[in-house]
């Protein structure tokens, strides 16, 4: 048996994607939620919950924008707002941790 170790980036990615795949299967089969829209909303909520660290199988994740290097100047010159820049050394805009708590409000505001 090998010694315990830190997961690799690839292993973390695969664990997260496997969780999303299991959530797709769950919501496809969820008989108490027959409407497609409700299933899609449930899936979105499940993914946000996982990112926030509220899944038993996964930790929370940093969710931060990573804009193209030219975006800020281009958008400023166009009179538009831009996303904050983040680096591996300095995360200045992490939206993770409460996404699922805001989901229903934003969904209600943006629903067509």
C-alpha atoms as a PDB file:
ATOM      1  CA  UNK A   1       0.000   0.000   0.000  1.00  0.00           C
ATOM      2  CA  UNK A   2       1.346   3.432  -0.898  1.00  0.00           C
ATOM      3  CA  UNK A   3       1.729   6.378   1.463  1.00  0.00           C
ATOM      4  CA  UNK A   4      -1.061   8.997   1.526  1.00  0.00           C
ATOM      5  CA  UNK A   5      -0.336  11.948  -0.753  1.00  0.00           C
ATOM      6  CA  UNK A   6      -1.851  15.071  -2.224  1.00  0.00           C
ATOM      7  CA  UNK A   7      -4.086  14.578  -5.253  1.00  0.00           C
ATOM      8  CA  UNK A   8      -2.620  15.721  -8.555  1.00  0.00           C
ATOM      9  CA  UNK A   9      -4.314  18.450 -10.587  1.00  0.00           C
ATOM     10  CA  UNK A  10      -5.498  15.822 -13.052  1.00  0.00           C
ATOM     11  CA  UNK A  11      -6.968  13.696 -10.254  1.00  0.00           C
ATOM     12  CA  UNK A  12      -8.813  16.694  -8.770  1.00  0.00           C
ATOM     13  CA  UNK A  13     -10.187  17.612 -12.194  1.00  0.00           C
ATOM     14  CA  UNK A  14     -11.345  14.029 -12.804  1.00  0.00           C
ATOM     15  CA  UNK A  15     -12.942  13.805  -9.357  1.00  0.00           C
ATOM     16  CA  UNK A  16     -14.865  17.024  -9.975  1.00  0.00           C
ATOM     17  CA  UNK A  17     -15.961  15.980 -13.463  1.00  0.00           C
ATOM     18  CA  UNK A  18     -16.983  12.545 -12.176  1.00  0.00           C
ATOM     19  CA  UNK A  19     -19.132  14.267  -9.560  1.00  0.00           C
ATOM     20  CA  UNK A  20     -20.796  16.382 -12.270  1.00  0.00           C
ATOM     21  CA  UNK A  21     -21.394  13.243 -14.336  1.00  0.00           C
ATOM     22  CA  UNK A  22     -23.034  11.537 -11.345  1.00  0.00           C
ATOM     23  CA  UNK A  23     -25.227  14.608 -10.840  1.00  0.00           C
ATOM     24  CA  UNK A  24     -26.321  14.457 -14.507  1.00  0.00           C
ATOM     25  CA  UNK A  25     -27.337  10.830 -14.026  1.00  0.00           C
ATOM     26  CA  UNK A  26     -29.105  11.654 -10.762  1.00  0.00           C
ATOM     27  CA  UNK A  27     -31.174  14.473 -12.271  1.00  0.00           C
ATOM     28  CA  UNK A  28     -32.010  12.450 -15.386  1.00  0.00           C
ATOM     29  CA  UNK A  29     -33.507   9.758 -13.155  1.00  0.00           C
ATOM     30  CA  UNK A  30     -35.082  12.008 -10.497  1.00  0.00           C
ATOM     31  CA  UNK A  31     -38.752  11.034 -10.758  1.00  0.00           C
ATOM     32  CA  UNK A  32     -39.996  13.657  -8.279  1.00  0.00           C
ATOM     33  CA  UNK A  33     -38.835  16.337 -10.719  1.00  0.00           C
ATOM     34  CA  UNK A  34     -40.360  15.441 -14.090  1.00  0.00           C
ATOM     35  CA  UNK A  35     -40.092  18.844 -15.857  1.00  0.00           C
ATOM     36  CA  UNK A  36     -36.957  19.440 -17.923  1.00  0.00           C
ATOM     37  CA  UNK A  37     -36.504  22.982 -16.595  1.00  0.00           C
ATOM     38  CA  UNK A  38     -36.634  21.767 -12.998  1.00  0.00           C
ATOM     39  CA  UNK A  39     -34.121  19.030 -13.763  1.00  0.00           C
ATOM     40  CA  UNK A  40     -31.764  21.568 -15.351  1.00  0.00           C
ATOM     41  CA  UNK A  41     -32.156  23.918 -12.384  1.00  0.00           C
ATOM     42  CA  UNK A  42     -31.479  21.016 -10.017  1.00  0.00           C
ATOM     43  CA  UNK A  43     -28.344  20.092 -11.932  1.00  0.00           C
ATOM     44  CA  UNK A  44     -27.103  23.693 -11.889  1.00  0.00           C
ATOM     45  CA  UNK A  45     -27.751  23.902  -8.138  1.00  0.00           C
ATOM     46  CA  UNK A  46     -25.912  20.613  -7.582  1.00  0.00           C
ATOM     47  CA  UNK A  47     -22.857  21.853  -9.488  1.00  0.00           C
ATOM     48  CA  UNK A  48     -22.845  25.149  -7.589  1.00  0.00           C
ATOM     49  CA  UNK A  49     -23.178  23.262  -4.300  1.00  0.00           C
ATOM     50  CA  UNK A  50     -20.144  21.152  -5.210  1.00  0.00           C
ATOM     51  CA  UNK A  51     -18.080  24.238  -6.117  1.00  0.00           C
ATOM     52  CA  UNK A  52     -19.059  25.811  -2.790  1.00  0.00           C
ATOM     53  CA  UNK A  53     -17.747  22.824  -0.854  1.00  0.00           C
ATOM     54  CA  UNK A  54     -21.130  21.530   0.302  1.00  0.00           C
ATOM     55  CA  UNK A  55     -20.712  18.087  -1.271  1.00  0.00           C
ATOM     56  CA  UNK A  56     -19.509  15.243   0.925  1.00  0.00           C
ATOM     57  CA  UNK A  57     -17.122  14.046  -1.789  1.00  0.00           C
ATOM     58  CA  UNK A  58     -15.386  17.317  -2.690  1.00  0.00           C
ATOM     59  CA  UNK A  59     -13.822  20.363  -1.038  1.00  0.00           C
ATOM     60  CA  UNK A  60     -14.788  23.913  -1.980  1.00  0.00           C
ATOM     61  CA  UNK A  61     -13.151  25.414  -5.053  1.00  0.00           C
ATOM     62  CA  UNK A  62     -11.770  28.828  -5.881  1.00  0.00           C
ATOM     63  CA  UNK A  63     -13.939  30.234  -8.664  1.00  0.00           C
ATOM     64  CA  UNK A  64     -12.218  33.268 -10.116  1.00  0.00           C
ATOM     65  CA  UNK A  65     -12.306  35.048 -13.473  1.00  0.00           C
ATOM     66  CA  UNK A  66      -9.314  34.680 -15.732  1.00  0.00           C
ATOM     67  CA  UNK A  67      -9.708  37.358 -18.410  1.00  0.00           C
ATOM     68  CA  UNK A  68      -7.474  37.637 -21.445  1.00  0.00           C
ATOM     69  CA  UNK A  69      -4.514  39.981 -20.863  1.00  0.00           C
ATOM     70  CA  UNK A  70      -5.843  42.451 -23.474  1.00  0.00           C
ATOM     71  CA  UNK A  71      -9.406  42.606 -22.109  1.00  0.00           C
ATOM     72  CA  UNK A  72      -8.932  45.352 -19.518  1.00  0.00           C
ATOM     73  CA  UNK A  73      -7.407  47.903 -21.871  1.00  0.00           C
ATOM     74  CA  UNK A  74      -9.803  47.079 -24.715  1.00  0.00           C
ATOM     75  CA  UNK A  75     -12.876  47.295 -22.509  1.00  0.00           C
ATOM     76  CA  UNK A  76     -11.666  50.477 -20.785  1.00  0.00           C
ATOM     77  CA  UNK A  77     -11.122  52.121 -24.180  1.00  0.00           C
ATOM     78  CA  UNK A  78     -14.596  50.930 -25.213  1.00  0.00           C
ATOM     79  CA  UNK A  79     -16.114  52.549 -22.130  1.00  0.00           C
ATOM     80  CA  UNK A  80     -17.046  49.160 -20.618  1.00  0.00           C
ATOM     81  CA  UNK A  81     -16.354  47.462 -17.315  1.00  0.00           C
ATOM     82  CA  UNK A  82     -13.839  44.618 -17.097  1.00  0.00           C
ATOM     83  CA  UNK A  83     -13.291  41.572 -14.921  1.00  0.00           C
ATOM     84  CA  UNK A  84     -10.654  41.590 -12.168  1.00  0.00           C
ATOM     85  CA  UNK A  85      -7.384  39.887 -12.974  1.00  0.00           C
ATOM     86  CA  UNK A  86      -6.330  36.922 -10.849  1.00  0.00           C
ATOM     87  CA  UNK A  87      -3.096  35.002 -10.710  1.00  0.00           C
ATOM     88  CA  UNK A  88      -2.038  31.817  -8.999  1.00  0.00           C
ATOM     89  CA  UNK A  89      -0.290  34.006  -6.402  1.00  0.00           C
ATOM     90  CA  UNK A  90      -3.078  36.530  -5.885  1.00  0.00           C
ATOM     91  CA  UNK A  91      -6.770  35.722  -6.143  1.00  0.00           C
ATOM     92  CA  UNK A  92      -8.589  39.056  -5.933  1.00  0.00           C
ATOM     93  CA  UNK A  93     -12.062  37.942  -6.980  1.00  0.00           C
ATOM     94  CA  UNK A  94     -13.145  34.522  -5.715  1.00  0.00           C
ATOM     95  CA  UNK A  95     -16.906  34.082  -6.135  1.00  0.00           C
ATOM     96  CA  UNK A  96     -16.901  30.536  -4.762  1.00  0.00           C
ATOM     97  CA  UNK A  97     -18.264  29.595  -1.383  1.00  0.00           C
ATOM     98  CA  UNK A  98     -21.796  30.942  -1.650  1.00  0.00           C
ATOM     99  CA  UNK A  99     -22.871  30.358  -5.236  1.00  0.00           C
ATOM    100  CA  UNK A 100     -25.671  27.950  -4.393  1.00  0.00           C
ATOM    101  CA  UNK A 101     -27.028  30.418  -1.817  1.00  0.00           C
ATOM    102  CA  UNK A 102     -27.509  33.052  -4.521  1.00  0.00           C
ATOM    103  CA  UNK A 103     -28.761  30.696  -7.252  1.00  0.00           C
ATOM    104  CA  UNK A 104     -32.521  30.905  -6.690  1.00  0.00           C
ATOM    105  CA  UNK A 105     -32.533  34.717  -6.406  1.00  0.00           C
ATOM    106  CA  UNK A 106     -30.514  35.196  -9.597  1.00  0.00           C
ATOM    107  CA  UNK A 107     -32.503  32.505 -11.424  1.00  0.00           C
ATOM    108  CA  UNK A 108     -35.738  34.269 -10.463  1.00  0.00           C
ATOM    109  CA  UNK A 109     -34.360  37.636 -11.651  1.00  0.00           C
ATOM    110  CA  UNK A 110     -33.116  36.265 -14.983  1.00  0.00           C
ATOM    111  CA  UNK A 111     -35.864  33.770 -15.801  1.00  0.00           C
ATOM    112  CA  UNK A 112     -37.529  34.507 -19.158  1.00  0.00           C
END
